[in-house]
Amino acid sequence: MVMYILVLTALCVFQISELLTDVERLKQALNGLSQLAYAGNAAPNKRQMQHIDTLQAQIKSLQQQLAVSDAESQHREVVSIYRTHLLSAAQGHMDEDVQAALLQIIRMRQEFVC
């Protein structure tokens, strides 16, 4: 189970790194194209503007993918920690912090129900 979680975490980190690399590469291409288009105060032609728009759309898409990937990675990490604590509790071992948090949740539920 722990090995599976480690493999998933490593895979997520690799995917996030790839997305960050793609975003950076597209930003550099966009900056280079923008500088080329505006060099000498010449107005960019229609083809260059379409290329700029395409690059901007790709950057936005990759940033959204990165945000989703990051959120999924954080969610997996939280679930993994929860499972570890739950397994420890089932085996009769519980962190003091976890026990205090669970008691607080129980108290809050009792106050809410009553």
PDB file of N, CA and C in Angstrom:
ATOM      1  N   MET A   1       0.824  -1.195   0.000  1.00  0.00           N
ATOM      2  CA  MET A   1       0.000   0.000   0.000  1.00  0.00           C
ATOM      3  C   MET A   1       0.864   1.253   0.000  1.00  0.00           C
ATOM      4  N   VAL A   2       1.866   1.281   0.878  1.00  0.00           N
ATOM      5  CA  VAL A   2       2.753   2.440   0.955  1.00  0.00           C
ATOM      6  C   VAL A   2       3.525   2.583  -0.350  1.00  0.00           C
ATOM      7  N   MET A   3       3.962   1.469  -0.927  1.00  0.00           N
ATOM      8  CA  MET A   3       4.709   1.518  -2.184  1.00  0.00           C
ATOM      9  C   MET A   3       3.832   2.077  -3.299  1.00  0.00           C
ATOM     10  N   TYR A   4       2.572   1.676  -3.322  1.00  0.00           N
ATOM     11  CA  TYR A   4       1.621   2.172  -4.318  1.00  0.00           C
ATOM     12  C   TYR A   4       1.468   3.685  -4.197  1.00  0.00           C
ATOM     13  N   ILE A   5       1.357   4.174  -2.983  1.00  0.00           N
ATOM     14  CA  ILE A   5       1.214   5.610  -2.742  1.00  0.00           C
ATOM     15  C   ILE A   5       2.470   6.346  -3.184  1.00  0.00           C
ATOM     16  N   LEU A   6       3.637   5.782  -2.894  1.00  0.00           N
ATOM     17  CA  LEU A   6       4.896   6.408  -3.309  1.00  0.00           C
ATOM     18  C   LEU A   6       5.009   6.478  -4.826  1.00  0.00           C
ATOM     19  N   VAL A   7       4.593   5.416  -5.508  1.00  0.00           N
ATOM     20  CA  VAL A   7       4.640   5.403  -6.972  1.00  0.00           C
ATOM     21  C   VAL A   7       3.695   6.457  -7.532  1.00  0.00           C
ATOM     22  N   LEU A   8       2.478   6.542  -6.986  1.00  0.00           N
ATOM     23  CA  LEU A   8       1.523   7.556  -7.441  1.00  0.00           C
ATOM     24  C   LEU A   8       2.054   8.960  -7.207  1.00  0.00           C
ATOM     25  N   THR A   9       2.653   9.191  -6.055  1.00  0.00           N
ATOM     26  CA  THR A   9       3.206  10.506  -5.743  1.00  0.00           C
ATOM     27  C   THR A   9       4.322  10.860  -6.714  1.00  0.00           C
ATOM     28  N   ALA A  10       5.207   9.915  -6.984  1.00  0.00           N
ATOM     29  CA  ALA A  10       6.307  10.161  -7.923  1.00  0.00           C
ATOM     30  C   ALA A  10       5.773  10.457  -9.318  1.00  0.00           C
ATOM     31  N   LEU A  11       4.735   9.735  -9.729  1.00  0.00           N
ATOM     32  CA  LEU A  11       4.131   9.963 -11.035  1.00  0.00           C
ATOM     33  C   LEU A  11       3.520  11.355 -11.112  1.00  0.00           C
ATOM     34  N   CYS A  12       2.832  11.778 -10.066  1.00  0.00           N
ATOM     35  CA  CYS A  12       2.230  13.111 -10.034  1.00  0.00           C
ATOM     36  C   CYS A  12       3.298  14.194 -10.099  1.00  0.00           C
ATOM     37  N   VAL A  13       4.369  14.017  -9.360  1.00  0.00           N
ATOM     38  CA  VAL A  13       5.459  14.996  -9.374  1.00  0.00           C
ATOM     39  C   VAL A  13       6.060  15.083 -10.774  1.00  0.00           C
ATOM     40  N   PHE A  14       6.234  13.941 -11.435  1.00  0.00           N
ATOM     41  CA  PHE A  14       6.780  13.923 -12.787  1.00  0.00           C
ATOM     42  C   PHE A  14       5.852  14.650 -13.752  1.00  0.00           C
ATOM     43  N   GLN A  15       4.540  14.390 -13.667  1.00  0.00           N
ATOM     44  CA  GLN A  15       3.583  15.041 -14.552  1.00  0.00           C
ATOM     45  C   GLN A  15       3.544  16.544 -14.310  1.00  0.00           C
ATOM     46  N   ILE A  16       3.595  16.957 -13.067  1.00  0.00           N
ATOM     47  CA  ILE A  16       3.601  18.380 -12.744  1.00  0.00           C
ATOM     48  C   ILE A  16       4.860  19.034 -13.299  1.00  0.00           C
ATOM     49  N   SER A  17       5.990  18.367 -13.176  1.00  0.00           N
ATOM     50  CA  SER A  17       7.245  18.902 -13.715  1.00  0.00           C
ATOM     51  C   SER A  17       7.162  19.069 -15.229  1.00  0.00           C
ATOM     52  N   GLU A  18       6.582  18.075 -15.903  1.00  0.00           N
ATOM     53  CA  GLU A  18       6.424  18.175 -17.355  1.00  0.00           C
ATOM     54  C   GLU A  18       5.527  19.346 -17.732  1.00  0.00           C
ATOM     55  N   LEU A  19       4.420  19.521 -17.014  1.00  0.00           N
ATOM     56  CA  LEU A  19       3.515  20.628 -17.306  1.00  0.00           C
ATOM     57  C   LEU A  19       4.192  21.972 -17.066  1.00  0.00           C
ATOM     58  N   LEU A  20       4.948  22.080 -15.990  1.00  0.00           N
ATOM     59  CA  LEU A  20       5.669  23.325 -15.719  1.00  0.00           C
ATOM     60  C   LEU A  20       6.670  23.627 -16.832  1.00  0.00           C
ATOM     61  N   THR A  21       7.357  22.601 -17.309  1.00  0.00           N
ATOM     62  CA  THR A  21       8.309  22.776 -18.404  1.00  0.00           C
ATOM     63  C   THR A  21       7.595  23.250 -19.663  1.00  0.00           C
ATOM     64  N   ASP A  22       6.444  22.642 -19.977  1.00  0.00           N
ATOM     65  CA  ASP A  22       5.671  23.052 -21.151  1.00  0.00           C
ATOM     66  C   ASP A  22       5.195  24.492 -21.034  1.00  0.00           C
ATOM     67  N   VAL A  23       4.700  24.868 -19.871  1.00  0.00           N
ATOM     68  CA  VAL A  23       4.233  26.242 -19.659  1.00  0.00           C
ATOM     69  C   VAL A  23       5.382  27.221 -19.862  1.00  0.00           C
ATOM     70  N   GLU A  24       6.526  26.922 -19.285  1.00  0.00           N
ATOM     71  CA  GLU A  24       7.686  27.819 -19.412  1.00  0.00           C
ATOM     72  C   GLU A  24       8.144  27.919 -20.865  1.00  0.00           C
ATOM     73  N   ARG A  25       8.163  26.788 -21.568  1.00  0.00           N
ATOM     74  CA  ARG A  25       8.573  26.784 -22.975  1.00  0.00           C
ATOM     75  C   ARG A  25       7.623  27.631 -23.819  1.00  0.00           C
ATOM     76  N   LEU A  26       6.327  27.496 -23.584  1.00  0.00           N
ATOM     77  CA  LEU A  26       5.355  28.277 -24.343  1.00  0.00           C
ATOM     78  C   LEU A  26       5.436  29.762 -24.005  1.00  0.00           C
ATOM     79  N   LYS A  27       5.679  30.087 -22.748  1.00  0.00           N
ATOM     80  CA  LYS A  27       5.836  31.493 -22.374  1.00  0.00           C
ATOM     81  C   LYS A  27       7.038  32.104 -23.082  1.00  0.00           C
ATOM     82  N   GLN A  28       8.142  31.359 -23.147  1.00  0.00           N
ATOM     83  CA  GLN A  28       9.331  31.861 -23.835  1.00  0.00           C
ATOM     84  C   GLN A  28       9.064  32.038 -25.325  1.00  0.00           C
ATOM     85  N   ALA A  29       8.364  31.089 -25.920  1.00  0.00           N
ATOM     86  CA  ALA A  29       8.030  31.204 -27.338  1.00  0.00           C
ATOM     87  C   ALA A  29       7.132  32.411 -27.583  1.00  0.00           C
ATOM     88  N   LEU A  30       6.176  32.612 -26.700  1.00  0.00           N
ATOM     89  CA  LEU A  30       5.269  33.751 -26.829  1.00  0.00           C
ATOM     90  C   LEU A  30       6.024  35.066 -26.685  1.00  0.00           C
ATOM     91  N   ASN A  31       6.913  35.140 -25.701  1.00  0.00           N
ATOM     92  CA  ASN A  31       7.711  36.357 -25.523  1.00  0.00           C
ATOM     93  C   ASN A  31       8.595  36.618 -26.735  1.00  0.00           C
ATOM     94  N   GLY A  32       9.223  35.570 -27.252  1.00  0.00           N
ATOM     95  CA  GLY A  32      10.069  35.720 -28.434  1.00  0.00           C
ATOM     96  C   GLY A  32       9.277  36.181 -29.637  1.00  0.00           C
ATOM     97  N   LEU A  33       8.102  35.622 -29.813  1.00  0.00           N
ATOM     98  CA  LEU A  33       7.249  36.005 -30.930  1.00  0.00           C
ATOM     99  C   LEU A  33       6.757  37.433 -30.771  1.00  0.00           C
ATOM    100  N   SER A  34       6.402  37.804 -29.558  1.00  0.00           N
ATOM    101  CA  SER A  34       5.940  39.174 -29.306  1.00  0.00           C
ATOM    102  C   SER A  34       7.050  40.175 -29.589  1.00  0.00           C
ATOM    103  N   GLN A  35       8.270  39.862 -29.150  1.00  0.00           N
ATOM    104  CA  GLN A  35       9.398  40.763 -29.397  1.00  0.00           C
ATOM    105  C   GLN A  35       9.684  40.869 -30.885  1.00  0.00           C
ATOM    106  N   LEU A  36       9.592  39.755 -31.578  1.00  0.00           N
ATOM    107  CA  LEU A  36       9.827  39.760 -33.015  1.00  0.00           C
ATOM    108  C   LEU A  36       8.751  40.571 -33.736  1.00  0.00           C
ATOM    109  N   ALA A  37       7.511  40.406 -33.302  1.00  0.00           N
ATOM    110  CA  ALA A  37       6.400  41.091 -33.954  1.00  0.00           C
ATOM    111  C   ALA A  37       6.465  42.597 -33.747  1.00  0.00           C
ATOM    112  N   TYR A  38       6.918  43.016 -32.589  1.00  0.00           N
ATOM    113  CA  TYR A  38       6.915  44.439 -32.273  1.00  0.00           C
ATOM    114  C   TYR A  38       8.275  45.105 -32.490  1.00  0.00           C
ATOM    115  N   ALA A  39       9.243  44.364 -33.027  1.00  0.00           N
ATOM    116  CA  ALA A  39      10.566  44.950 -33.291  1.00  0.00           C
ATOM    117  C   ALA A  39      10.430  46.020 -34.366  1.00  0.00           C
ATOM    118  N   GLY A  40      11.023  47.152 -34.114  1.00  0.00           N
ATOM    119  CA  GLY A  40      10.972  48.242 -35.084  1.00  0.00           C
ATOM    120  C   GLY A  40       9.603  48.882 -35.178  1.00  0.00           C
ATOM    121  N   ASN A  41       8.769  48.712 -34.157  1.00  0.00           N
ATOM    122  CA  ASN A  41       7.420  49.291 -34.106  1.00  0.00           C
ATOM    123  C   ASN A  41       6.535  48.845 -35.264  1.00  0.00           C
ATOM    124  N   ALA A  42       6.877  47.726 -35.876  1.00  0.00           N
ATOM    125  CA  ALA A  42       6.049  47.208 -36.958  1.00  0.00           C
ATOM    126  C   ALA A  42       4.858  46.474 -36.358  1.00  0.00           C
ATOM    127  N   ALA A  43       3.706  46.707 -36.913  1.00  0.00           N
ATOM    128  CA  ALA A  43       2.498  46.040 -36.428  1.00  0.00           C
ATOM    129  C   ALA A  43       2.555  44.568 -36.838  1.00  0.00           C
ATOM    130  N   PRO A  44       2.182  43.664 -35.933  1.00  0.00           N
ATOM    131  CA  PRO A  44       2.211  42.241 -36.280  1.00  0.00           C
ATOM    132  C   PRO A  44       1.156  41.928 -37.336  1.00  0.00           C
ATOM    133  N   ASN A  45       1.492  41.009 -38.224  1.00  0.00           N
ATOM    134  CA  ASN A  45       0.519  40.651 -39.250  1.00  0.00           C
ATOM    135  C   ASN A  45      -0.498  39.659 -38.685  1.00  0.00           C
ATOM    136  N   LYS A  46      -1.479  39.344 -39.498  1.00  0.00           N
ATOM    137  CA  LYS A  46      -2.587  38.493 -39.043  1.00  0.00           C
ATOM    138  C   LYS A  46      -2.094  37.103 -38.626  1.00  0.00           C
ATOM    139  N   ARG A  47      -1.153  36.538 -39.386  1.00  0.00           N
ATOM    140  CA  ARG A  47      -0.632  35.210 -39.079  1.00  0.00           C
ATOM    141  C   ARG A  47       0.092  35.202 -37.734  1.00  0.00           C
ATOM    142  N   GLN A  48       0.874  36.241 -37.472  1.00  0.00           N
ATOM    143  CA  GLN A  48       1.584  36.333 -36.201  1.00  0.00           C
ATOM    144  C   GLN A  48       0.599  36.480 -35.040  1.00  0.00           C
ATOM    145  N   MET A  49      -0.428  37.266 -35.238  1.00  0.00           N
ATOM    146  CA  MET A  49      -1.435  37.448 -34.183  1.00  0.00           C
ATOM    147  C   MET A  49      -2.155  36.131 -33.887  1.00  0.00           C
ATOM    148  N   GLN A  50      -2.457  35.371 -34.947  1.00  0.00           N
ATOM    149  CA  GLN A  50      -3.097  34.070 -34.739  1.00  0.00           C
ATOM    150  C   GLN A  50      -2.166  33.130 -33.977  1.00  0.00           C
ATOM    151  N   HIS A  51      -0.885  33.180 -34.310  1.00  0.00           N
ATOM    152  CA  HIS A  51       0.099  32.337 -33.619  1.00  0.00           C
ATOM    153  C   HIS A  51       0.209  32.745 -32.148  1.00  0.00           C
ATOM    154  N   ILE A  52       0.206  34.041 -31.889  1.00  0.00           N
ATOM    155  CA  ILE A  52       0.250  34.540 -30.508  1.00  0.00           C
ATOM    156  C   ILE A  52      -0.988  34.077 -29.747  1.00  0.00           C
ATOM    157  N   ASP A  53      -2.149  34.194 -30.382  1.00  0.00           N
ATOM    158  CA  ASP A  53      -3.392  33.751 -29.735  1.00  0.00           C
ATOM    159  C   ASP A  53      -3.360  32.251 -29.440  1.00  0.00           C
ATOM    160  N   THR A  54      -2.825  31.474 -30.384  1.00  0.00           N
ATOM    161  CA  THR A  54      -2.717  30.026 -30.191  1.00  0.00           C
ATOM    162  C   THR A  54      -1.800  29.702 -29.017  1.00  0.00           C
ATOM    163  N   LEU A  55      -0.649  30.384 -28.955  1.00  0.00           N
ATOM    164  CA  LEU A  55       0.281  30.155 -27.848  1.00  0.00           C
ATOM    165  C   LEU A  55      -0.339  30.552 -26.512  1.00  0.00           C
ATOM    166  N   GLN A  56      -1.054  31.666 -26.497  1.00  0.00           N
ATOM    167  CA  GLN A  56      -1.706  32.094 -25.253  1.00  0.00           C
ATOM    168  C   GLN A  56      -2.757  31.079 -24.815  1.00  0.00           C
ATOM    169  N   ALA A  57      -3.503  30.532 -25.771  1.00  0.00           N
ATOM    170  CA  ALA A  57      -4.508  29.516 -25.441  1.00  0.00           C
ATOM    171  C   ALA A  57      -3.840  28.254 -24.900  1.00  0.00           C
ATOM    172  N   GLN A  58      -2.704  27.867 -25.497  1.00  0.00           N
ATOM    173  CA  GLN A  58      -1.981  26.689 -25.013  1.00  0.00           C
ATOM    174  C   GLN A  58      -1.448  26.918 -23.602  1.00  0.00           C
ATOM    175  N   ILE A  59      -0.938  28.114 -23.344  1.00  0.00           N
ATOM    176  CA  ILE A  59      -0.438  28.433 -22.002  1.00  0.00           C
ATOM    177  C   ILE A  59      -1.573  28.356 -20.994  1.00  0.00           C
ATOM    178  N   LYS A  60      -2.720  28.934 -21.344  1.00  0.00           N
ATOM    179  CA  LYS A  60      -3.866  28.911 -20.432  1.00  0.00           C
ATOM    180  C   LYS A  60      -4.314  27.472 -20.166  1.00  0.00           C
ATOM    181  N   SER A  61      -4.354  26.664 -21.216  1.00  0.00           N
ATOM    182  CA  SER A  61      -4.759  25.265 -21.063  1.00  0.00           C
ATOM    183  C   SER A  61      -3.791  24.501 -20.165  1.00  0.00           C
ATOM    184  N   LEU A  62      -2.488  24.704 -20.375  1.00  0.00           N
ATOM    185  CA  LEU A  62      -1.495  24.017 -19.549  1.00  0.00           C
ATOM    186  C   LEU A  62      -1.544  24.490 -18.100  1.00  0.00           C
ATOM    187  N   GLN A  63      -1.797  25.776 -17.891  1.00  0.00           N
ATOM    188  CA  GLN A  63      -1.908  26.277 -16.522  1.00  0.00           C
ATOM    189  C   GLN A  63      -3.117  25.666 -15.822  1.00  0.00           C
ATOM    190  N   GLN A  64      -4.220  25.491 -16.562  1.00  0.00           N
ATOM    191  CA  GLN A  64      -5.399  24.851 -15.979  1.00  0.00           C
ATOM    192  C   GLN A  64      -5.110  23.386 -15.658  1.00  0.00           C
ATOM    193  N   GLN A  65      -4.425  22.696 -16.571  1.00  0.00           N
ATOM    194  CA  GLN A  65      -4.056  21.301 -16.315  1.00  0.00           C
ATOM    195  C   GLN A  65      -3.159  21.195 -15.092  1.00  0.00           C
ATOM    196  N   LEU A  66      -2.245  22.137 -14.972  1.00  0.00           N
ATOM    197  CA  LEU A  66      -1.330  22.150 -13.835  1.00  0.00           C
ATOM    198  C   LEU A  66      -2.098  22.356 -12.534  1.00  0.00           C
ATOM    199  N   ALA A  67      -3.063  23.271 -12.551  1.00  0.00           N
ATOM    200  CA  ALA A  67      -3.862  23.521 -11.353  1.00  0.00           C
ATOM    201  C   ALA A  67      -4.657  22.273 -10.964  1.00  0.00           C
ATOM    202  N   VAL A  68      -5.255  21.614 -11.953  1.00  0.00           N
ATOM    203  CA  VAL A  68      -6.027  20.395 -11.688  1.00  0.00           C
ATOM    204  C   VAL A  68      -5.106  19.296 -11.170  1.00  0.00           C
ATOM    205  N   SER A  69      -3.963  19.139 -11.809  1.00  0.00           N
ATOM    206  CA  SER A  69      -3.004  18.115 -11.391  1.00  0.00           C
ATOM    207  C   SER A  69      -2.513  18.367  -9.973  1.00  0.00           C
ATOM    208  N   ASP A  70      -2.253  19.626  -9.660  1.00  0.00           N
ATOM    209  CA  ASP A  70      -1.799  19.982  -8.316  1.00  0.00           C
ATOM    210  C   ASP A  70      -2.893  19.695  -7.286  1.00  0.00           C
ATOM    211  N   ALA A  71      -4.132  20.041  -7.624  1.00  0.00           N
ATOM    212  CA  ALA A  71      -5.247  19.787  -6.708  1.00  0.00           C
ATOM    213  C   ALA A  71      -5.436  18.284  -6.493  1.00  0.00           C
ATOM    214  N   GLU A  72      -5.335  17.514  -7.576  1.00  0.00           N
ATOM    215  CA  GLU A  72      -5.475  16.062  -7.451  1.00  0.00           C
ATOM    216  C   GLU A  72      -4.351  15.475  -6.600  1.00  0.00           C
ATOM    217  N   SER A  73      -3.158  15.984  -6.788  1.00  0.00           N
ATOM    218  CA  SER A  73      -2.011  15.514  -6.006  1.00  0.00           C
ATOM    219  C   SER A  73      -2.210  15.810  -4.521  1.00  0.00           C
ATOM    220  N   GLN A  74      -2.662  17.009  -4.212  1.00  0.00           N
ATOM    221  CA  GLN A  74      -2.919  17.370  -2.816  1.00  0.00           C
ATOM    222  C   GLN A  74      -4.028  16.499  -2.234  1.00  0.00           C
ATOM    223  N   HIS A  75      -5.056  16.235  -3.036  1.00  0.00           N
ATOM    224  CA  HIS A  75      -6.162  15.393  -2.572  1.00  0.00           C
ATOM    225  C   HIS A  75      -5.665  13.979  -2.265  1.00  0.00           C
ATOM    226  N   ARG A  76      -4.854  13.425  -3.176  1.00  0.00           N
ATOM    227  CA  ARG A  76      -4.304  12.080  -2.945  1.00  0.00           C
ATOM    228  C   ARG A  76      -3.465  12.044  -1.675  1.00  0.00           C
ATOM    229  N   GLU A  77      -2.699  13.104  -1.446  1.00  0.00           N
ATOM    230  CA  GLU A  77      -1.858  13.160  -0.250  1.00  0.00           C
ATOM    231  C   GLU A  77      -2.715  13.183   1.012  1.00  0.00           C
ATOM    232  N   VAL A  78      -3.787  13.973   0.998  1.00  0.00           N
ATOM    233  CA  VAL A  78      -4.680  14.043   2.158  1.00  0.00           C
ATOM    234  C   VAL A  78      -5.341  12.689   2.397  1.00  0.00           C
ATOM    235  N   VAL A  79      -5.814  12.058   1.334  1.00  0.00           N
ATOM    236  CA  VAL A  79      -6.450  10.746   1.462  1.00  0.00           C
ATOM    237  C   VAL A  79      -5.447   9.720   1.985  1.00  0.00           C
ATOM    238  N   SER A  80      -4.222   9.789   1.503  1.00  0.00           N
ATOM    239  CA  SER A  80      -3.182   8.869   1.966  1.00  0.00           C
ATOM    240  C   SER A  80      -2.921   9.036   3.459  1.00  0.00           C
ATOM    241  N   ILE A  81      -2.811  10.273   3.895  1.00  0.00           N
ATOM    242  CA  ILE A  81      -2.592  10.540   5.325  1.00  0.00           C
ATOM    243  C   ILE A  81      -3.784  10.043   6.137  1.00  0.00           C
ATOM    244  N   TYR A  82      -4.987  10.313   5.646  1.00  0.00           N
ATOM    245  CA  TYR A  82      -6.196   9.863   6.334  1.00  0.00           C
ATOM    246  C   TYR A  82      -6.200   8.340   6.462  1.00  0.00           C
ATOM    247  N   ARG A  83      -5.881   7.645   5.365  1.00  0.00           N
ATOM    248  CA  ARG A  83      -5.860   6.178   5.394  1.00  0.00           C
ATOM    249  C   ARG A  83      -4.824   5.654   6.383  1.00  0.00           C
ATOM    250  N   THR A  84      -3.664   6.295   6.405  1.00  0.00           N
ATOM    251  CA  THR A  84      -2.611   5.879   7.336  1.00  0.00           C
ATOM    252  C   THR A  84      -3.077   6.027   8.775  1.00  0.00           C
ATOM    253  N   HIS A  85      -3.699   7.170   9.087  1.00  0.00           N
ATOM    254  CA  HIS A  85      -4.204   7.386  10.446  1.00  0.00           C
ATOM    255  C   HIS A  85      -5.337   6.413  10.779  1.00  0.00           C
ATOM    256  N   LEU A  86      -6.197   6.157   9.802  1.00  0.00           N
ATOM    257  CA  LEU A  86      -7.303   5.231  10.022  1.00  0.00           C
ATOM    258  C   LEU A  86      -6.783   3.815  10.271  1.00  0.00           C
ATOM    259  N   LEU A  87      -5.800   3.399   9.489  1.00  0.00           N
ATOM    260  CA  LEU A  87      -5.200   2.081   9.678  1.00  0.00           C
ATOM    261  C   LEU A  87      -4.526   1.981  11.040  1.00  0.00           C
ATOM    262  N   SER A  88      -3.811   3.024  11.423  1.00  0.00           N
ATOM    263  CA  SER A  88      -3.161   3.037  12.742  1.00  0.00           C
ATOM    264  C   SER A  88      -4.196   2.954  13.855  1.00  0.00           C
ATOM    265  N   ALA A  89      -5.288   3.690  13.699  1.00  0.00           N
ATOM    266  CA  ALA A  89      -6.343   3.668  14.717  1.00  0.00           C
ATOM    267  C   ALA A  89      -6.971   2.281  14.806  1.00  0.00           C
ATOM    268  N   ALA A  90      -7.175   1.637  13.649  1.00  0.00           N
ATOM    269  CA  ALA A  90      -7.762   0.297  13.641  1.00  0.00           C
ATOM    270  C   ALA A  90      -6.833  -0.715  14.307  1.00  0.00           C
ATOM    271  N   GLN A  91      -5.543  -0.464  14.242  1.00  0.00           N
ATOM    272  CA  GLN A  91      -4.564  -1.354  14.865  1.00  0.00           C
ATOM    273  C   GLN A  91      -4.315  -0.988  16.321  1.00  0.00           C
ATOM    274  N   GLY A  92      -5.003   0.029  16.811  1.00  0.00           N
ATOM    275  CA  GLY A  92      -4.880   0.405  18.211  1.00  0.00           C
ATOM    276  C   GLY A  92      -3.830   1.458  18.487  1.00  0.00           C
ATOM    277  N   HIS A  93      -3.281   2.050  17.464  1.00  0.00           N
ATOM    278  CA  HIS A  93      -2.274   3.102  17.621  1.00  0.00           C
ATOM    279  C   HIS A  93      -2.830   4.397  17.046  1.00  0.00           C
ATOM    280  N   MET A  94      -2.730   5.472  17.832  1.00  0.00           N
ATOM    281  CA  MET A  94      -3.240   6.740  17.339  1.00  0.00           C
ATOM    282  C   MET A  94      -2.369   7.877  17.859  1.00  0.00           C
ATOM    283  N   ASP A  95      -1.997   8.772  16.958  1.00  0.00           N
ATOM    284  CA  ASP A  95      -1.261   9.980  17.337  1.00  0.00           C
ATOM    285  C   ASP A  95      -2.087  10.801  18.321  1.00  0.00           C
ATOM    286  N   GLU A  96      -1.425  11.497  19.207  1.00  0.00           N
ATOM    287  CA  GLU A  96      -2.147  12.364  20.144  1.00  0.00           C
ATOM    288  C   GLU A  96      -2.875  13.474  19.402  1.00  0.00           C
ATOM    289  N   ASP A  97      -2.223  14.044  18.391  1.00  0.00           N
ATOM    290  CA  ASP A  97      -2.851  15.119  17.617  1.00  0.00           C
ATOM    291  C   ASP A  97      -4.103  14.622  16.900  1.00  0.00           C
ATOM    292  N   VAL A  98      -4.008  13.430  16.332  1.00  0.00           N
ATOM    293  CA  VAL A  98      -5.150  12.856  15.623  1.00  0.00           C
ATOM    294  C   VAL A  98      -6.277  12.568  16.602  1.00  0.00           C
ATOM    295  N   GLN A  99      -5.935  12.017  17.756  1.00  0.00           N
ATOM    296  CA  GLN A  99      -6.952  11.720  18.765  1.00  0.00           C
ATOM    297  C   GLN A  99      -7.632  13.008  19.230  1.00  0.00           C
ATOM    298  N   ALA A 100      -6.858  14.065  19.449  1.00  0.00           N
ATOM    299  CA  ALA A 100      -7.432  15.346  19.867  1.00  0.00           C
ATOM    300  C   ALA A 100      -8.351  15.903  18.784  1.00  0.00           C
ATOM    301  N   ALA A 101      -7.936  15.785  17.523  1.00  0.00           N
ATOM    302  CA  ALA A 101      -8.765  16.275  16.421  1.00  0.00           C
ATOM    303  C   ALA A 101     -10.069  15.483  16.329  1.00  0.00           C
ATOM    304  N   LEU A 102      -9.986  14.168  16.490  1.00  0.00           N
ATOM    305  CA  LEU A 102     -11.196  13.347  16.448  1.00  0.00           C
ATOM    306  C   LEU A 102     -12.148  13.683  17.594  1.00  0.00           C
ATOM    307  N   LEU A 103     -11.604  13.893  18.785  1.00  0.00           N
ATOM    308  CA  LEU A 103     -12.448  14.279  19.921  1.00  0.00           C
ATOM    309  C   LEU A 103     -13.118  15.627  19.667  1.00  0.00           C
ATOM    310  N   GLN A 104     -12.388  16.545  19.047  1.00  0.00           N
ATOM    311  CA  GLN A 104     -12.970  17.850  18.726  1.00  0.00           C
ATOM    312  C   GLN A 104     -14.096  17.702  17.703  1.00  0.00           C
ATOM    313  N   ILE A 105     -13.896  16.844  16.719  1.00  0.00           N
ATOM    314  CA  ILE A 105     -14.947  16.599  15.721  1.00  0.00           C
ATOM    315  C   ILE A 105     -16.176  16.000  16.386  1.00  0.00           C
ATOM    316  N   ILE A 106     -15.961  15.045  17.303  1.00  0.00           N
ATOM    317  CA  ILE A 106     -17.088  14.426  18.014  1.00  0.00           C
ATOM    318  C   ILE A 106     -17.850  15.472  18.809  1.00  0.00           C
ATOM    319  N   ARG A 107     -17.123  16.342  19.514  1.00  0.00           N
ATOM    320  CA  ARG A 107     -17.782  17.404  20.294  1.00  0.00           C
ATOM    321  C   ARG A 107     -18.571  18.347  19.390  1.00  0.00           C
ATOM    322  N   MET A 108     -17.984  18.710  18.273  1.00  0.00           N
ATOM    323  CA  MET A 108     -18.670  19.622  17.352  1.00  0.00           C
ATOM    324  C   MET A 108     -19.936  18.980  16.799  1.00  0.00           C
ATOM    325  N   ARG A 109     -19.873  17.695  16.478  1.00  0.00           N
ATOM    326  CA  ARG A 109     -21.056  16.999  15.959  1.00  0.00           C
ATOM    327  C   ARG A 109     -22.144  16.925  17.022  1.00  0.00           C
ATOM    328  N   GLN A 110     -21.732  16.665  18.274  1.00  0.00           N
ATOM    329  CA  GLN A 110     -22.709  16.596  19.359  1.00  0.00           C
ATOM    330  C   GLN A 110     -23.383  17.948  19.557  1.00  0.00           C
ATOM    331  N   GLU A 111     -22.617  19.029  19.489  1.00  0.00           N
ATOM    332  CA  GLU A 111     -23.190  20.368  19.633  1.00  0.00           C
ATOM    333  C   GLU A 111     -24.135  20.676  18.482  1.00  0.00           C
ATOM    334  N   PHE A 112     -23.777  20.230  17.289  1.00  0.00           N
ATOM    335  CA  PHE A 112     -24.589  20.492  16.113  1.00  0.00           C
ATOM    336  C   PHE A 112     -25.890  19.699  16.156  1.00  0.00           C
ATOM    337  N   VAL A 113     -25.826  18.448  16.604  1.00  0.00           N
ATOM    338  CA  VAL A 113     -26.996  17.571  16.643  1.00  0.00           C
ATOM    339  C   VAL A 113     -27.937  17.960  17.778  1.00  0.00           C
ATOM    340  N   CYS A 114     -27.381  18.309  18.916  1.00  0.00           N
ATOM    341  CA  CYS A 114     -28.212  18.624  20.083  1.00  0.00           C
ATOM    342  C   CYS A 114     -28.805  19.954  19.966  1.00  0.00           C
TER     343      CYS A 114
END
